[in-house]
Amino acid sequence: MFFNSIDFAIFLPIVFILYWFVANKNLKLQNFLIVVASYIFYGWWDWRFLSLILFSTIVDYSIGRMLQTEEKQTKRKVLLWTSILVNLGFLGFFKYYNFFLDNFITVFSFFGSEIKANSLNIILPVGISFYTFQTLSYTIDVYKRKLEPTKDFIAFSAFVSFFPQLVAGPIERAKHLLPQFYKSRKFDYTLAVDGMRQILWGLFKKIVIADNCAEYANQIFNNSADMNGSTLVLGALFFTFQIYGDFSGYSDIAIGTSRLFGFDLMKNFNFPYFSRDIAEFWRRWHISLSTWFRDYLYIPLGGSRGGTWMKVRNTFVIFIVSGFWHGANWTFIVWGALNAIYFLPLMLTKNNRNNIDIVAQGKNFPNIREFSAILLTFSLTVFAWIFFRANNINHALSYISEIFSSSLFSIPKFDGIGSALIIIFLVVIFTLVEWKGRAGEFAIAQLGLKWKRPIRYLMYYTIIIAIFWFGGKEQQFIYFQF
């Protein structure tokens, strides 16, 4: 079920009414309703994969209970690795089996040995990368004695399957989300209104910005051999705003929906395209994933402690694994490695924590130095996105080589360029609104709150009209494939 579908528009108010008007006096009933609603939400896509979520839930709940009573460190490690192998085993099979098989065959063919092996027609379960990491965080934290294991199976099931963030995050930590299922929840009108504003802005990002940019990004990338350099630059820019509007839009809708039910989810995007260096970008982009890798991979490996070699190794490991998490393709690995190369000079010169405040805080415009830093960081990010979007490495290299040819100075040409100018104008307006609201939880969190009600409502209705007016073909969220 997509957030931007009629199905969800019917589903959400039904669950909301049942939650607040039928189950409002019974916490366990509320949690059970969330579990049922979440399974319906996920099963709407393919009910067969509900068994994976249920099995993962049972395994990690059971291991958590066993860790509570087990004192022998050897047995505790066995329990931990059981959880890790079960969860990553499912993820590895469904997501990476064919990738490793194909590369295994290629390596042996290179050395003159022919291996006959057939790839499998495997359907990737939606959101498996997200809920796998979420359940793993629970088991790891219980193992490290940072979290008391739960005895409430219904609450744990609701934590694992919570429908607003089940299929594309934010990847919540058990320490943050699970305790919220233990506490009585009362309807908060102010919180709900704020949630609706965030849902509205998320839908605008997804439907108006991401989906429209996707049409032109797909056209240009799919026909890149026929495009000149300047058109390919536009294609990369379209994809840059597509992936941000799509993924941060989903996060906004997820966080806003959670607020309707009295839950608080972590902020997943913090205006990353206004970053002044790559280190700042990664503190602001897909925060739930980057902090997950930091806490459960980077720091256990030694983090930035130790000698230069260890710092370089750990940086490449975390970025390459992050790239590989996104998909079974060498393009994602190169994308991750490229970001590691961007990041390393900052870390090695101890400049990776320079920009931790809000850019141009309290000002309408950045100064020349800030603007130059933002532009450079944005340009590096756009370049890296080419590998992320390309079909394969050769496609990415040919795409880039054409950009850096004399055709870069030609006039962009592609079908529908006139209509694309309207979308470019909308992207500019969108960027200005994001800049104006960069200090808030989301762009329009504070925008218009001090205006007179008719003017404020005019802004909201303008956004709603834009969503319907520019809503073209329904596009699947990009991160559903990860």
Foldseek 3Di string as FASTA:
>chain_A
DDPPDVVVVVLLVVLLCCLCPPCQVPLLVNLLSQLVSLLCLQCVVPNVCVVVLVVLLVLLLVLLVVLQPDDDLVVLVVSLVVSVCSLVVVVCVQFPPQLVVVVVQVVCVVVPDHDDDDDDPHDRRAQSLQLSLLSNLVSVCSSVVVDRRDPDSSLSSSSSRRRLARRQDPRFHCVAFSVVSVDRADADPVLLVLLVVLLLQLLLLQQQQQVVLCVLLCQCLVPVVPWFQQSLLSSLVSVVSNQCSQRLSSVSNSQSSCSSSPGHGDQQAQPLLLDLALLSSCCGHRPSLSVSCVVPPQVVQPHLDDDPVSNLVSLLVSQQVVLVSQHSAVLSNVLSNLSSVRCSVCVVVVNSPVDPDQAPPPDLDHDPSSVVSSVVRNVSNSLSVLSVPHPHPVSSVVSVVSNPDPSVPPDTDDPPVVVVVVSVVVVVVVVSLCSCQSVDSGSCSPPCPPPPPVVSVVVSVVSVVSSVVSRDDDDDRSSSSD
